[in-house]
Amino acid sequence: MKLRLLAFALLLTGGVSAQNPYIALQGANETASGVAIAQPRTILAVDVTVERDLTLTGPYARYAQKYLGVRAPLADKTTWSITGAQIALLDRDTYLNAGAPAPASTRTFNHAASDEEFARLQPDKTDMTTPALEDAARAAANQIFSLRRHRIELITGEAGENVFGEGLKAALAEIDRMEQSYLELFLGKRTVSTETRRYVVYPQADKKQYIVCRFSPAAGLLPDSDLSGDIVLLQIEPSGNTKCDLEAGPKETSVVACRVADPSACTVLSGGREYARAVLPVFEFGRTINVALPRRK
């Protein structure tokens, strides 16, 4: 037992350790705390990042060209796209740990106060009638032009000599915010959100391709069982290079079994496009060798 324990300690400090992801002890080994049974295996974390581009049609979109001279989208639209992927080892015992996926984020391409509601014109308190949609659009356009005139007056100093410094900056920022809110009524609202999902893959010695999930431009990431989406594929190509200088010769009698991982090329593919590639140690495509234990002096 002492010999096995010494050999185990030497292996841990001599390079065949948890810090080397390409080789690991295999089988039963005696340690200070008893017999440890090791069966090296590889667990892969595949992080797929998608982006959702959402466009909401403004309520006055049909009047954008008439009153503002620009064209606006006339229908809501949602488009998903894969923006990237990452592959890493998911193993607490190696230094190649897969970090947590990036948190979801949202970008709004305007200065509106709300991402879900459009700005509303202040009703005329002296009028009890509800204006027609075109009349409301005309009023909103007039408000936009009025805000632009006020901006020019502030910049040129025509609005008064007492508006300067931080006060001028705050006034211009508020005018910009109000103008954007009214413009959204015609041009709509656009937000882009990004999210990353993690999928765990357990490689097998007789399998080189794995369906991680599926993807649809209309619905985003889907389960691998949903046939309506395109396949997001993890492909593993072993190199066959499992040579190890630590392998014991045929005459060595005092040896310990170790598993040598294969440096395999792992690739994430979808729709004929490659999104990630990494060379990682995969024990399932490796081989088992015997490593000679140090001789006692």
Protein backbone atom coordinates (compact mmCIF):
# COMPACT_ATOMS: atom_id res chain seq x y z
CA MET A 1 0.00 0.00 0.00
CA LYS A 2 2.83 2.39 0.83
CA LEU A 3 4.35 1.83 -2.58
CA ARG A 4 1.05 2.49 -4.33
CA LEU A 5 0.46 5.58 -2.21
CA LEU A 6 3.94 6.92 -2.97
CA ALA A 7 3.48 6.27 -6.67
CA PHE A 8 0.13 8.01 -6.66
CA ALA A 9 1.65 11.07 -4.97
CA LEU A 10 4.53 11.14 -7.44
CA LEU A 11 2.14 10.97 -10.36
CA LEU A 12 0.14 13.87 -9.01
CA THR A 13 3.25 16.03 -8.66
CA GLY A 14 5.05 14.85 -11.76
CA GLY A 15 2.74 16.08 -14.52
CA VAL A 16 0.11 13.33 -14.60
CA SER A 17 -2.23 15.38 -12.48
CA ALA A 18 -5.55 17.11 -12.45
CA GLN A 19 -3.78 20.08 -14.06
CA ASN A 20 -3.11 18.06 -17.21
CA PRO A 21 -6.40 17.49 -19.03
CA TYR A 22 -4.84 15.05 -21.51
CA ILE A 23 -4.02 12.23 -19.08
CA ALA A 24 -5.67 10.87 -15.95
CA LEU A 25 -5.36 7.89 -13.65
CA GLN A 26 -7.67 5.02 -14.47
CA GLY A 27 -8.91 2.13 -12.38
CA ALA A 28 -8.40 1.52 -8.65
CA ASN A 29 -5.59 3.30 -6.84
CA GLU A 30 -4.67 3.50 -3.19
CA THR A 31 -4.69 6.96 -1.64
CA ALA A 32 -4.27 8.37 1.83
CA SER A 33 -8.03 8.21 2.31
CA GLY A 34 -8.47 4.72 0.90
CA VAL A 35 -9.01 3.16 -2.50
CA ALA A 36 -10.02 5.59 -5.26
CA ILE A 37 -11.64 4.35 -8.46
CA ALA A 38 -11.20 6.61 -11.48
CA GLN A 39 -12.90 6.36 -14.87
CA PRO A 40 -11.84 9.39 -16.93
CA ARG A 41 -14.57 10.85 -19.11
CA THR A 42 -15.11 14.05 -21.06
CA ILE A 43 -18.07 16.39 -20.63
CA LEU A 44 -18.45 19.21 -23.14
CA ALA A 45 -20.31 22.47 -22.63
CA VAL A 46 -21.66 23.98 -25.85
CA ASP A 47 -22.86 27.57 -25.46
CA VAL A 48 -24.98 28.87 -28.35
CA THR A 49 -25.66 32.62 -28.54
CA VAL A 50 -28.67 33.93 -30.46
CA GLU A 51 -29.94 37.41 -31.21
CA ARG A 52 -33.58 38.48 -31.53
CA ASP A 53 -34.32 41.53 -33.67
CA LEU A 54 -37.85 42.79 -32.91
CA THR A 55 -39.53 45.57 -34.87
CA LEU A 56 -42.91 46.90 -33.71
CA THR A 57 -44.97 48.92 -36.17
CA GLY A 58 -45.91 52.42 -35.10
CA PRO A 59 -49.63 53.31 -34.96
CA TYR A 60 -49.09 56.10 -37.53
CA ALA A 61 -46.83 54.09 -39.84
CA ARG A 62 -49.10 54.49 -42.88
CA TYR A 63 -48.81 58.30 -42.62
CA ALA A 64 -45.01 58.42 -42.21
CA GLN A 65 -44.35 59.21 -45.86
CA LYS A 66 -47.19 61.72 -46.11
CA TYR A 67 -46.23 63.84 -43.12
CA LEU A 68 -42.53 63.08 -42.59
CA GLY A 69 -41.38 62.08 -46.07
CA VAL A 70 -39.95 58.71 -44.95
CA ARG A 71 -41.08 55.12 -45.28
CA ALA A 72 -41.82 53.05 -42.20
CA PRO A 73 -42.35 49.30 -41.68
CA LEU A 74 -46.03 48.42 -41.93
CA ALA A 75 -45.92 45.05 -40.13
CA ASP A 76 -44.37 43.71 -36.95
CA LYS A 77 -41.31 41.56 -37.55
CA THR A 78 -39.25 39.23 -35.39
CA THR A 79 -36.02 37.71 -36.67
CA TRP A 80 -33.65 35.37 -34.84
CA SER A 81 -30.04 34.69 -35.78
CA ILE A 82 -27.15 32.71 -34.34
CA THR A 83 -24.33 35.11 -33.54
CA GLY A 84 -21.79 32.71 -32.08
CA ALA A 85 -20.97 29.62 -30.06
CA GLN A 86 -18.33 28.33 -27.66
CA ILE A 87 -17.09 24.85 -26.74
CA ALA A 88 -15.27 24.06 -23.51
CA LEU A 89 -14.63 21.26 -21.07
CA LEU A 90 -17.15 21.04 -18.28
CA ASP A 91 -15.03 19.43 -15.61
CA ARG A 92 -14.22 20.76 -12.14
CA ASP A 93 -10.98 18.79 -12.06
CA THR A 94 -9.30 20.62 -14.93
CA TYR A 95 -8.19 24.17 -15.56
CA LEU A 96 -10.33 24.33 -18.71
CA ASN A 97 -13.55 24.84 -16.79
CA ALA A 98 -16.40 26.26 -18.84
CA GLY A 99 -17.31 29.64 -17.42
CA ALA A 100 -20.93 30.62 -16.95
CA PRO A 101 -22.74 31.79 -20.11
CA ALA A 102 -23.01 35.53 -20.67
CA PRO A 103 -26.18 37.05 -19.20
CA ALA A 104 -29.00 38.07 -21.52
CA SER A 105 -28.93 41.66 -22.76
CA THR A 106 -31.30 44.01 -24.58
CA ARG A 107 -30.55 47.04 -26.73
CA THR A 108 -33.23 49.56 -27.64
CA PHE A 109 -32.51 51.71 -30.67
CA ASN A 110 -34.23 54.85 -29.38
CA HIS A 111 -34.65 56.98 -26.26
CA ALA A 112 -38.23 56.07 -25.46
CA ALA A 113 -39.25 55.68 -21.84
CA SER A 114 -40.78 52.25 -22.45
CA ASP A 115 -39.77 49.32 -24.63
CA GLU A 116 -43.34 48.01 -24.81
CA GLU A 117 -45.54 51.10 -25.20
CA PHE A 118 -45.59 54.01 -27.62
CA ALA A 119 -45.72 57.63 -26.56
CA ARG A 120 -49.14 59.24 -26.38
CA LEU A 121 -50.09 62.77 -27.41
CA GLN A 122 -51.52 64.86 -24.61
CA PRO A 123 -55.24 65.26 -25.31
CA ASP A 124 -56.76 68.71 -25.68
CA LYS A 125 -58.58 69.28 -22.39
CA THR A 126 -60.97 71.75 -24.04
CA ASP A 127 -62.14 69.30 -26.70
CA MET A 128 -64.24 66.23 -25.86
CA THR A 129 -64.00 64.68 -29.34
CA THR A 130 -61.63 61.86 -30.27
CA PRO A 131 -59.51 62.80 -33.30
CA ALA A 132 -59.35 60.51 -36.30
CA LEU A 133 -56.16 58.50 -36.74
CA GLU A 134 -54.90 60.72 -39.55
CA ASP A 135 -55.64 63.86 -37.57
CA ALA A 136 -53.70 62.43 -34.63
CA ALA A 137 -50.81 61.57 -36.97
CA ARG A 138 -50.82 65.14 -38.32
CA ALA A 139 -50.74 66.52 -34.79
CA ALA A 140 -47.81 64.25 -33.91
CA ALA A 141 -45.91 65.36 -37.01
CA ASN A 142 -46.53 69.00 -36.13
CA GLN A 143 -45.20 68.32 -32.65
CA ILE A 144 -42.02 66.82 -34.14
CA PHE A 145 -41.43 69.89 -36.30
CA SER A 146 -42.15 72.13 -33.31
CA LEU A 147 -39.55 70.32 -31.20
CA ARG A 148 -37.00 70.68 -33.98
CA ARG A 149 -37.64 74.42 -34.18
CA HIS A 150 -37.17 74.73 -30.43
CA ARG A 151 -33.90 72.81 -30.67
CA ILE A 152 -32.56 75.20 -33.32
CA GLU A 153 -33.66 78.21 -31.24
CA LEU A 154 -31.83 76.86 -28.21
CA ILE A 155 -28.67 76.13 -30.18
CA THR A 156 -28.62 79.52 -31.90
CA GLY A 157 -29.54 81.43 -28.75
CA GLU A 158 -32.84 82.71 -30.07
CA ALA A 159 -34.71 81.07 -27.19
CA GLY A 160 -33.09 83.36 -24.64
CA GLU A 161 -29.72 84.29 -23.20
CA ASN A 162 -30.25 82.50 -19.89
CA VAL A 163 -30.17 78.95 -21.28
CA PHE A 164 -26.57 77.72 -21.27
CA GLY A 165 -24.24 75.17 -19.68
CA GLU A 166 -25.86 72.20 -17.99
CA GLY A 167 -29.29 73.73 -18.41
CA LEU A 168 -28.87 73.83 -22.18
CA LYS A 169 -27.57 70.26 -22.23
CA ALA A 170 -30.56 69.04 -20.18
CA ALA A 171 -33.03 70.94 -22.38
CA LEU A 172 -31.57 69.49 -25.59
CA ALA A 173 -31.58 65.97 -24.10
CA GLU A 174 -35.26 66.30 -23.17
CA ILE A 175 -36.13 67.58 -26.65
CA ASP A 176 -34.29 64.60 -28.17
CA ARG A 177 -36.18 62.19 -25.93
CA MET A 178 -39.56 63.72 -26.80
CA GLU A 179 -38.77 63.77 -30.52
CA GLN A 180 -37.77 60.11 -30.47
CA SER A 181 -40.99 59.21 -28.70
CA TYR A 182 -43.06 60.95 -31.37
CA LEU A 183 -40.97 59.51 -34.20
CA GLU A 184 -41.67 56.01 -32.88
CA LEU A 185 -45.36 56.60 -33.54
CA PHE A 186 -44.47 56.69 -37.23
CA LEU A 187 -41.25 54.69 -37.58
CA GLY A 188 -41.98 52.04 -34.95
CA LYS A 189 -39.76 50.62 -32.23
CA ARG A 190 -36.78 48.30 -32.61
CA THR A 191 -35.12 46.25 -29.87
CA VAL A 192 -32.34 43.69 -30.16
CA SER A 193 -31.88 41.13 -27.39
CA THR A 194 -29.12 38.56 -26.99
CA GLU A 195 -29.16 35.35 -24.98
CA THR A 196 -26.86 32.36 -24.54
CA ARG A 197 -28.00 28.84 -23.75
CA ARG A 198 -25.78 26.02 -22.56
CA TYR A 199 -26.08 22.44 -23.78
CA VAL A 200 -24.14 19.59 -22.17
CA VAL A 201 -22.77 16.83 -24.40
CA TYR A 202 -21.38 13.48 -23.23
CA PRO A 203 -19.14 12.09 -26.00
CA GLN A 204 -19.28 8.40 -26.82
CA ALA A 205 -16.51 6.31 -28.36
CA ASP A 206 -18.73 5.18 -31.25
CA LYS A 207 -20.32 8.55 -32.05
CA LYS A 208 -18.78 11.65 -33.60
CA GLN A 209 -21.84 13.83 -34.31
CA TYR A 210 -24.36 15.17 -31.80
CA ILE A 211 -27.50 17.25 -32.34
CA VAL A 212 -27.10 19.96 -29.71
CA CYS A 213 -30.41 21.70 -30.44
CA ARG A 214 -32.32 23.14 -33.38
CA PHE A 215 -32.70 26.68 -34.64
CA SER A 216 -35.41 28.59 -36.46
CA PRO A 217 -35.11 32.19 -37.76
CA ALA A 218 -38.73 32.69 -36.67
CA ALA A 219 -38.61 31.04 -33.22
CA GLY A 220 -34.95 30.98 -32.13
CA LEU A 221 -33.43 28.00 -30.32
CA LEU A 222 -35.60 24.89 -30.20
CA PRO A 223 -35.30 21.45 -28.55
CA ASP A 224 -33.43 18.84 -30.56
CA SER A 225 -36.71 16.96 -31.00
CA ASP A 226 -38.43 19.89 -32.79
CA LEU A 227 -38.10 19.05 -36.48
CA SER A 228 -39.26 22.51 -37.58
CA GLY A 229 -35.80 23.96 -37.01
CA ASP A 230 -32.38 23.47 -38.57
CA ILE A 231 -29.91 21.23 -36.77
CA VAL A 232 -27.22 22.77 -34.58
CA LEU A 233 -24.56 20.09 -34.77
CA LEU A 234 -21.50 19.32 -32.66
CA GLN A 235 -18.96 17.40 -34.69
CA ILE A 236 -15.94 15.73 -33.09
CA GLU A 237 -12.96 14.69 -35.23
CA PRO A 238 -10.34 12.65 -33.31
CA SER A 239 -6.74 13.27 -34.33
CA GLY A 240 -5.52 9.77 -33.53
CA ASN A 241 -2.47 11.28 -31.86
CA THR A 242 -2.40 9.70 -28.41
CA LYS A 243 1.36 9.25 -28.11
CA CYS A 244 2.61 9.66 -24.55
CA ASP A 245 6.22 9.76 -23.40
CA LEU A 246 5.19 8.40 -20.00
CA GLU A 247 4.13 5.01 -21.39
CA ALA A 248 5.99 2.15 -19.72
CA GLY A 249 8.00 -0.40 -21.67
CA PRO A 250 7.05 -4.08 -21.89
CA LYS A 251 9.61 -5.03 -19.22
CA GLU A 252 8.19 -2.76 -16.56
CA THR A 253 6.31 -4.68 -13.89
CA SER A 254 5.35 -1.96 -11.44
CA VAL A 255 2.92 0.21 -13.39
CA VAL A 256 -0.26 2.17 -12.97
CA ALA A 257 -3.03 2.46 -15.59
CA CYS A 258 -3.71 5.88 -17.10
CA ARG A 259 -6.04 7.11 -19.79
CA VAL A 260 -4.66 9.39 -22.49
CA ALA A 261 -7.16 11.72 -24.15
CA ASP A 262 -7.24 12.36 -27.86
CA PRO A 263 -6.80 16.02 -28.93
CA SER A 264 -9.99 16.18 -30.97
CA ALA A 265 -11.27 19.02 -33.14
CA CYS A 266 -14.74 19.99 -31.90
CA THR A 267 -16.87 22.10 -34.24
CA VAL A 268 -20.33 23.66 -33.94
CA LEU A 269 -22.18 23.82 -37.28
CA SER A 270 -25.61 25.00 -38.40
CA GLY A 271 -27.03 25.74 -41.82
CA GLY A 272 -23.70 24.99 -43.48
CA ARG A 273 -21.88 27.58 -41.37
CA GLU A 274 -19.23 27.04 -38.71
CA TYR A 275 -19.79 28.97 -35.48
CA ALA A 276 -17.10 27.58 -33.17
CA ARG A 277 -14.05 25.35 -33.29
CA ALA A 278 -11.79 24.15 -30.50
CA VAL A 279 -9.27 21.37 -29.97
CA LEU A 280 -10.11 19.65 -26.69
CA PRO A 281 -9.01 16.46 -24.91
CA VAL A 282 -11.61 13.73 -25.37
CA PHE A 283 -10.95 10.60 -23.31
CA GLU A 284 -13.56 8.56 -25.17
CA PHE A 285 -11.37 8.62 -28.31
CA GLY A 286 -8.13 8.10 -26.41
CA ARG A 287 -6.41 4.96 -25.17
CA THR A 288 -5.26 3.37 -21.91
CA ILE A 289 -1.55 3.07 -21.19
CA ASN A 290 0.60 1.84 -18.36
CA VAL A 291 2.89 4.31 -16.63
CA ALA A 292 5.89 2.94 -14.74
CA LEU A 293 6.01 3.70 -11.05
CA PRO A 294 9.22 5.23 -9.69
CA ARG A 295 11.65 2.68 -8.32
CA ARG A 296 12.42 2.83 -4.60
CA LYS A 297 15.95 3.84 -3.76
